[in-house]
């Protein structure tokens, strides 16, 4: 494995850990997509407040450590003000790290978000709210450490070590969660390219009676639009099969580690969704163990299991 490959693997595993932390958020939004917008606002607002308090607790600990020798000379009010400022700075730094890692994983240009947040205060406020709402998904390990120290005599002996450990764990988990959330929102869905590729199949295989350029294999797409095919193959995993006797096709475009688009006129069959359905479907990819497309229709089972994701 090359150094670049090893780096990508380690960052992707770090992001995978972050995805475990944000599971409650993904579950909520996937299972309750039709709630009133006000409900979403309240949920995000409460989450942002909890995330702020989590970060504030760690910031206050760091400020107290900074002024440890002058603790009697610096008032509680001054230390609190410093802690609030540090809370905002930590959210910015952790978000910046998450954007760098997400850009490395997805190949998308994401660092402009930081410049926008700095130069345009309303965007910065939204950016900070998003960061704190994500951090709220991290278990409050720092507060657990404080509770442990308060109620355990043995823990008090190792107070300094415990606080340092839970503070470091908080930073690690927060950056992981932010990386996972940012990556999940940053993948280029490849919608335009995938639908364009589907249009090539429909135009040449279904609408053209002569089927002059109808692709029999994936490689045949290059005969129609070579530069386009090279671009889509560089950024997506593409799988294709065509039954010339029945004039039926199956096209799968995996545009991110966990999302794929399935195209086929068989999706409109009575056995599937009926004539009123679309001839494309968005599917989830399970990356635990061998990569597998969830709920893959029977007619496309040959593409259910996928090779490891290697695109950016």
Protein backbone atom coordinates (compact mmCIF):
# COMPACT_ATOMS: atom_id res chain seq x y z
CA UNK A 1 0.00 0.00 0.00
CA UNK A 2 1.35 3.42 -0.96
CA UNK A 3 1.66 6.28 1.50
CA UNK A 4 -1.24 8.07 -0.20
CA UNK A 5 -3.35 4.92 -0.04
CA UNK A 6 -2.53 4.43 3.64
CA UNK A 7 -3.39 8.08 4.38
CA UNK A 8 -6.72 7.75 2.59
CA UNK A 9 -7.50 4.53 4.46
CA UNK A 10 -6.75 6.06 7.88
CA UNK A 11 -8.80 9.19 7.19
CA UNK A 12 -11.70 7.12 5.83
CA UNK A 13 -11.67 4.95 8.98
CA UNK A 14 -11.63 8.10 11.10
CA UNK A 15 -14.66 9.35 9.14
CA UNK A 16 -16.33 5.94 9.56
CA UNK A 17 -15.96 6.32 13.33
CA UNK A 18 -17.53 9.77 13.06
CA UNK A 19 -20.49 8.27 11.20
CA UNK A 20 -21.20 6.07 14.21
CA UNK A 21 -21.38 9.21 16.35
CA UNK A 22 -23.82 11.02 14.02
CA UNK A 23 -26.11 7.99 13.63
CA UNK A 24 -28.87 9.59 15.79
CA UNK A 25 -28.98 12.61 13.43
CA UNK A 26 -29.04 10.55 10.23
CA UNK A 27 -31.71 8.27 11.72
CA UNK A 28 -33.86 11.24 12.69
CA UNK A 29 -33.71 13.01 9.33
CA UNK A 30 -34.13 9.80 7.30
CA UNK A 31 -37.14 8.56 9.28
CA UNK A 32 -38.88 11.91 9.87
CA UNK A 33 -38.40 13.81 6.59
CA UNK A 34 -41.84 15.43 6.56
CA UNK A 35 -41.90 17.19 9.91
CA UNK A 36 -42.78 20.86 10.15
CA UNK A 37 -39.84 23.19 9.51
CA UNK A 38 -40.32 24.72 12.97
CA UNK A 39 -39.72 21.31 14.53
CA UNK A 40 -36.43 20.99 12.67
CA UNK A 41 -35.50 24.49 13.82
CA UNK A 42 -36.20 23.67 17.47
CA UNK A 43 -34.26 20.39 17.29
CA UNK A 44 -31.24 22.04 15.67
CA UNK A 45 -31.42 24.96 18.10
CA UNK A 46 -31.46 22.70 21.16
CA UNK A 47 -28.64 20.60 19.69
CA UNK A 48 -26.56 23.72 19.01
CA UNK A 49 -27.00 24.87 22.64
CA UNK A 50 -25.97 21.45 23.95
CA UNK A 51 -22.94 21.44 21.67
CA UNK A 52 -21.97 24.91 22.84
CA UNK A 53 -22.22 23.84 26.50
CA UNK A 54 -20.10 20.74 25.80
CA UNK A 55 -17.40 22.86 24.16
CA UNK A 56 -17.67 25.54 26.86
CA UNK A 57 -16.97 22.97 29.57
CA UNK A 58 -13.71 21.95 27.89
CA UNK A 59 -12.83 25.59 27.19
CA UNK A 60 -13.33 26.52 30.83
CA UNK A 61 -11.03 23.67 31.87
CA UNK A 62 -8.34 24.87 29.42
CA UNK A 63 -8.64 28.48 30.62
CA UNK A 64 -8.33 27.39 34.25
CA UNK A 65 -5.22 25.42 33.32
CA UNK A 66 -3.82 28.46 31.51
CA UNK A 67 -4.34 30.72 34.51
CA UNK A 68 -3.49 28.04 37.08
CA UNK A 69 -0.71 30.10 38.65
CA UNK A 70 -2.73 33.32 38.65
CA UNK A 71 -6.09 31.70 39.52
CA UNK A 72 -6.57 33.97 42.55
CA UNK A 73 -5.70 37.09 40.59
CA UNK A 74 -8.03 36.51 37.62
CA UNK A 75 -11.72 36.90 38.40
CA UNK A 76 -14.32 34.27 37.54
CA UNK A 77 -15.97 36.74 35.17
CA UNK A 78 -12.77 37.28 33.17
CA UNK A 79 -12.12 33.54 32.96
CA UNK A 80 -15.69 32.97 31.79
CA UNK A 81 -15.31 35.59 29.04
CA UNK A 82 -12.08 33.97 27.90
CA UNK A 83 -13.81 30.56 27.96
CA UNK A 84 -16.66 31.84 25.75
CA UNK A 85 -14.17 33.26 23.24
CA UNK A 86 -12.20 30.01 23.29
CA UNK A 87 -15.43 28.05 22.76
CA UNK A 88 -15.99 29.85 19.47
CA UNK A 89 -12.35 29.49 18.46
CA UNK A 90 -12.34 25.74 19.17
CA UNK A 91 -15.48 25.23 17.07
CA UNK A 92 -13.78 27.09 14.22
CA UNK A 93 -10.55 25.08 14.50
CA UNK A 94 -12.34 21.71 14.72
CA UNK A 95 -14.55 22.62 11.76
CA UNK A 96 -11.49 23.66 9.75
CA UNK A 97 -9.84 20.31 10.44
CA UNK A 98 -13.05 18.52 9.45
CA UNK A 99 -13.25 20.49 6.19
CA UNK A 100 -9.64 19.63 5.35
CA UNK A 101 -10.25 15.92 5.97
CA UNK A 102 -13.57 15.97 4.08
CA UNK A 103 -11.90 17.70 1.13
CA UNK A 104 -9.20 15.02 1.16
CA UNK A 105 -11.85 12.26 1.09
CA UNK A 106 -14.26 13.71 -1.46
CA UNK A 107 -12.03 15.77 -3.74
CA UNK A 108 -14.50 18.65 -3.43
CA UNK A 109 -13.31 22.21 -2.78
CA UNK A 110 -14.57 22.93 0.73
CA UNK A 111 -12.13 25.34 2.38
CA UNK A 112 -13.90 28.33 0.80
CA UNK A 113 -16.55 27.74 3.48
CA UNK A 114 -14.10 29.03 6.10
CA UNK A 115 -13.44 32.22 4.16
CA UNK A 116 -17.19 32.75 3.73
CA UNK A 117 -17.77 32.24 7.45
CA UNK A 118 -15.09 34.81 8.35
CA UNK A 119 -16.02 37.45 5.77
CA UNK A 120 -19.80 37.15 6.04
CA UNK A 121 -20.98 37.14 9.70
CA UNK A 122 -24.49 35.65 9.07
CA UNK A 123 -22.84 32.73 7.28
CA UNK A 124 -20.38 32.43 10.15
CA UNK A 125 -23.26 32.29 12.64
CA UNK A 126 -24.92 29.50 10.63
CA UNK A 127 -21.58 27.72 10.26
CA UNK A 128 -21.05 27.87 14.03
CA UNK A 129 -24.58 26.65 14.73
CA UNK A 130 -24.04 23.68 12.42
CA UNK A 131 -20.75 22.89 14.17
CA UNK A 132 -22.25 23.03 17.67
CA UNK A 133 -25.30 20.97 16.60
CA UNK A 134 -22.94 18.28 15.31
CA UNK A 135 -20.75 18.41 18.42
CA UNK A 136 -23.91 17.82 20.47
CA UNK A 137 -23.99 14.29 19.01
CA UNK A 138 -20.69 13.52 20.76
CA UNK A 139 -21.28 11.92 24.16
CA UNK A 140 -20.51 14.48 26.92
CA UNK A 141 -17.34 12.65 27.91
CA UNK A 142 -15.87 15.70 29.64
CA UNK A 143 -18.88 16.01 31.95
CA UNK A 144 -18.68 12.26 32.62
CA UNK A 145 -15.10 12.83 33.75
CA UNK A 146 -16.16 15.60 36.13
CA UNK A 147 -18.93 13.43 37.60
CA UNK A 148 -16.48 10.54 38.03
CA UNK A 149 -14.01 12.77 39.87
CA UNK A 150 -16.74 14.22 42.09
CA UNK A 151 -18.16 10.89 43.25
CA UNK A 152 -15.12 8.60 43.20
CA UNK A 153 -12.38 8.92 45.77
CA UNK A 154 -9.92 6.94 43.63
CA UNK A 155 -10.67 9.08 40.56
CA UNK A 156 -9.68 12.23 42.46
CA UNK A 157 -6.13 10.87 42.76
CA UNK A 158 -5.89 10.87 38.97
CA UNK A 159 -7.93 14.03 38.46
CA UNK A 160 -5.44 15.74 36.16
CA UNK A 161 -4.93 12.64 33.98
CA UNK A 162 -8.68 11.99 33.72
CA UNK A 163 -9.47 15.58 32.71
CA UNK A 164 -6.71 15.64 30.11
CA UNK A 165 -7.88 12.30 28.70
CA UNK A 166 -11.56 13.22 28.43
CA UNK A 167 -10.71 16.63 26.93
CA UNK A 168 -8.55 14.94 24.28
CA UNK A 169 -11.30 12.37 23.65
CA UNK A 170 -13.81 15.19 23.25
CA UNK A 171 -11.66 16.86 20.56
CA UNK A 172 -11.07 13.56 18.78
CA UNK A 173 -14.77 12.65 18.71
CA UNK A 174 -15.87 16.16 17.75
CA UNK A 175 -13.53 16.35 14.74
CA UNK A 176 -14.61 12.83 13.70
CA UNK A 177 -18.31 13.74 13.90
CA UNK A 178 -17.77 17.01 12.02
CA UNK A 179 -15.75 15.18 9.36
CA UNK A 180 -18.48 12.58 8.88
CA UNK A 181 -21.25 15.19 8.70
CA UNK A 182 -19.29 17.42 6.32
CA UNK A 183 -18.28 14.52 4.10
CA UNK A 184 -21.84 13.22 3.96
CA UNK A 185 -23.09 16.64 2.81
CA UNK A 186 -20.22 17.29 0.40
CA UNK A 187 -20.24 14.39 -2.02
CA UNK A 188 -21.02 15.49 -5.54
CA UNK A 189 -24.13 13.39 -6.13
CA UNK A 190 -23.18 13.02 -9.76
CA UNK A 191 -26.84 13.44 -10.58
CA UNK A 192 -26.29 15.34 -13.82
CA UNK A 193 -23.58 12.99 -15.09
CA UNK A 194 -25.46 9.84 -14.08
CA UNK A 195 -28.72 11.01 -15.68
CA UNK A 196 -26.82 12.08 -18.79
CA UNK A 197 -25.35 8.59 -19.04
CA UNK A 198 -28.83 7.15 -18.61
CA UNK A 199 -30.08 9.41 -21.40
CA UNK A 200 -27.42 7.95 -23.72
CA UNK A 201 -28.81 4.46 -23.07
CA UNK A 202 -32.44 5.51 -23.57
CA UNK A 203 -31.74 7.49 -26.73
CA UNK A 204 -29.65 4.79 -28.40
CA UNK A 205 -31.32 1.60 -27.14
CA UNK A 206 -34.98 2.52 -26.64
CA UNK A 207 -35.73 5.48 -28.89
CA UNK A 208 -33.49 4.63 -31.84
CA UNK A 209 -35.13 1.80 -33.79
CA UNK A 210 -31.82 0.97 -35.47
CA UNK A 211 -29.93 0.90 -32.14
CA UNK A 212 -26.82 2.10 -33.96
CA UNK A 213 -24.84 3.23 -30.90
CA UNK A 214 -26.67 1.21 -28.26
CA UNK A 215 -23.99 0.24 -25.68
CA UNK A 216 -23.69 -3.51 -25.28
CA UNK A 217 -20.98 -3.17 -22.64
CA UNK A 218 -19.73 -0.39 -20.38
CA UNK A 219 -16.76 0.21 -22.68
CA UNK A 220 -19.13 1.06 -25.55
CA UNK A 221 -20.16 4.32 -23.91
CA UNK A 222 -16.74 5.71 -24.81
CA UNK A 223 -17.62 5.37 -28.50
CA UNK A 224 -20.48 7.81 -28.06
CA UNK A 225 -18.93 10.37 -25.69
CA UNK A 226 -15.30 9.49 -24.82
CA UNK A 227 -14.42 12.60 -22.77
CA UNK A 228 -17.65 12.41 -20.79
CA UNK A 229 -17.11 8.75 -20.00
CA UNK A 230 -13.59 9.36 -18.78
CA UNK A 231 -14.83 12.07 -16.43
CA UNK A 232 -17.63 10.00 -14.95
CA UNK A 233 -15.40 6.94 -14.49
CA UNK A 234 -12.78 9.06 -12.73
CA UNK A 235 -15.32 10.17 -10.12
CA UNK A 236 -17.84 7.30 -9.90
CA UNK A 237 -18.09 3.54 -9.88
CA UNK A 238 -20.22 2.54 -12.88
CA UNK A 239 -21.74 -0.88 -13.65
CA UNK A 240 -23.78 -1.76 -16.71
CA UNK A 241 -25.46 -4.74 -18.35
CA UNK A 242 -27.62 -4.99 -21.46
CA UNK A 243 -29.84 -7.82 -22.69
CA UNK A 244 -30.03 -7.41 -26.47
CA UNK A 245 -32.73 -10.06 -26.87
CA UNK A 246 -35.16 -8.33 -24.52
CA UNK A 247 -33.72 -4.82 -25.03
CA UNK A 248 -33.40 -4.39 -21.26
CA UNK A 249 -30.63 -2.53 -19.45
CA UNK A 250 -29.39 -2.07 -15.89
CA UNK A 251 -27.14 0.88 -15.07
CA UNK A 252 -25.71 1.50 -11.59
CA UNK A 253 -23.76 4.67 -10.78
CA UNK A 254 -22.19 4.77 -7.32
CA UNK A 255 -21.29 8.41 -6.71
CA UNK A 256 -20.22 8.19 -3.06
CA UNK A 257 -19.24 5.44 -0.61
CA UNK A 258 -22.83 5.14 0.63
CA UNK A 259 -25.09 6.23 -2.23
CA UNK A 260 -25.82 4.82 -5.68
CA UNK A 261 -28.30 5.48 -8.48
CA UNK A 262 -29.99 2.57 -10.24
CA UNK A 263 -31.38 3.09 -13.76
CA UNK A 264 -33.54 0.60 -15.64
CA UNK A 265 -36.86 0.53 -17.46
CA UNK A 266 -37.56 -2.58 -15.35
CA UNK A 267 -38.21 -0.27 -12.37
CA UNK A 268 -41.48 0.62 -14.12
CA UNK A 269 -42.55 -3.01 -14.46
CA UNK A 270 -45.66 -4.27 -12.59
CA UNK A 271 -43.40 -6.53 -10.50
CA UNK A 272 -41.54 -3.46 -9.25
CA UNK A 273 -43.20 -0.06 -8.88
CA UNK A 274 -45.65 0.05 -11.77
CA UNK A 275 -45.87 2.13 -14.91
CA UNK A 276 -46.19 5.43 -13.05
CA UNK A 277 -42.81 5.04 -11.36
CA UNK A 278 -39.52 6.64 -12.37
CA UNK A 279 -36.99 4.57 -14.28
CA UNK A 280 -34.33 5.46 -11.69
CA UNK A 281 -33.98 4.88 -7.95
CA UNK A 282 -31.66 6.18 -5.22
CA UNK A 283 -30.19 3.38 -3.11
CA UNK A 284 -28.10 3.17 0.06
CA UNK A 285 -24.81 1.27 0.21
CA UNK A 286 -23.90 -0.73 3.31
CA UNK A 287 -20.14 -0.41 3.91
CA UNK A 288 -19.94 -2.72 6.93
CA UNK A 289 -18.03 -5.76 5.75
CA UNK A 290 -18.22 -6.17 1.97
CA UNK A 291 -19.83 -3.17 0.28
CA UNK A 292 -23.42 -4.02 -0.62
CA UNK A 293 -26.35 -2.08 -2.07
CA UNK A 294 -29.34 -2.31 0.25
CA UNK A 295 -32.73 -3.41 -1.09
CA UNK A 296 -31.39 -4.09 -4.56
CA UNK A 297 -34.19 -5.27 -6.91
CA UNK A 298 -33.99 -8.88 -8.08
CA UNK A 299 -33.31 -7.96 -11.70
CA UNK A 300 -30.15 -6.08 -10.66
CA UNK A 301 -28.80 -8.55 -8.09
CA UNK A 302 -25.63 -9.06 -10.12
CA UNK A 303 -24.52 -5.59 -8.96
CA UNK A 304 -25.60 -5.97 -5.33
CA UNK A 305 -22.05 -6.47 -4.06
CA UNK A 306 -19.56 -3.78 -5.00
CA UNK A 307 -15.79 -3.40 -4.91
CA UNK A 308 -14.30 -1.13 -2.26
CA UNK A 309 -14.78 2.57 -2.91
CA UNK A 310 -11.66 4.02 -4.51
CA UNK A 311 -12.91 7.26 -6.07
CA UNK A 312 -12.55 10.85 -4.94
